[in-house]
């Protein structure tokens, strides 16, 4: 069974840090684009950070640039989201997602913004930032 499982969420204060983990099972995460999406209270889902290993294509949503970093550990089949300098606007449920097939001219930005053609979704992990 192919799946992704997130962990690492929690409660932090303004300016704090968290590292989320997305463990892939049943497949090699290196063959997929992996993205982190979040849903804030009362808002729609948005793509936060996405990466495609085969060409290194990476996208960050504007509000997290310079604060969040997506990275991979192929041995552990895990993708991380390091989140620094957190603020209350970062509060939400964070989801890991995976997509295998891209068109020849399709970058991860398009997928991260739309979440179109996503193959797998995790169950989500809650991140709460207090002021």
Foldseek 3Di string as FASTA:
>chain_A
DWAKAKDWADEEEAFAKIKMKIAIPPDQQLQWKKWKWWDAVPGDIATAKIAHNVVGFIDGDVVQPPFWDWDDDRVRSMIMIIGGRDDQVPWGWMKMWIARDDDPPDTCVVCRGPVPRIDYIYPTDGHGYHD
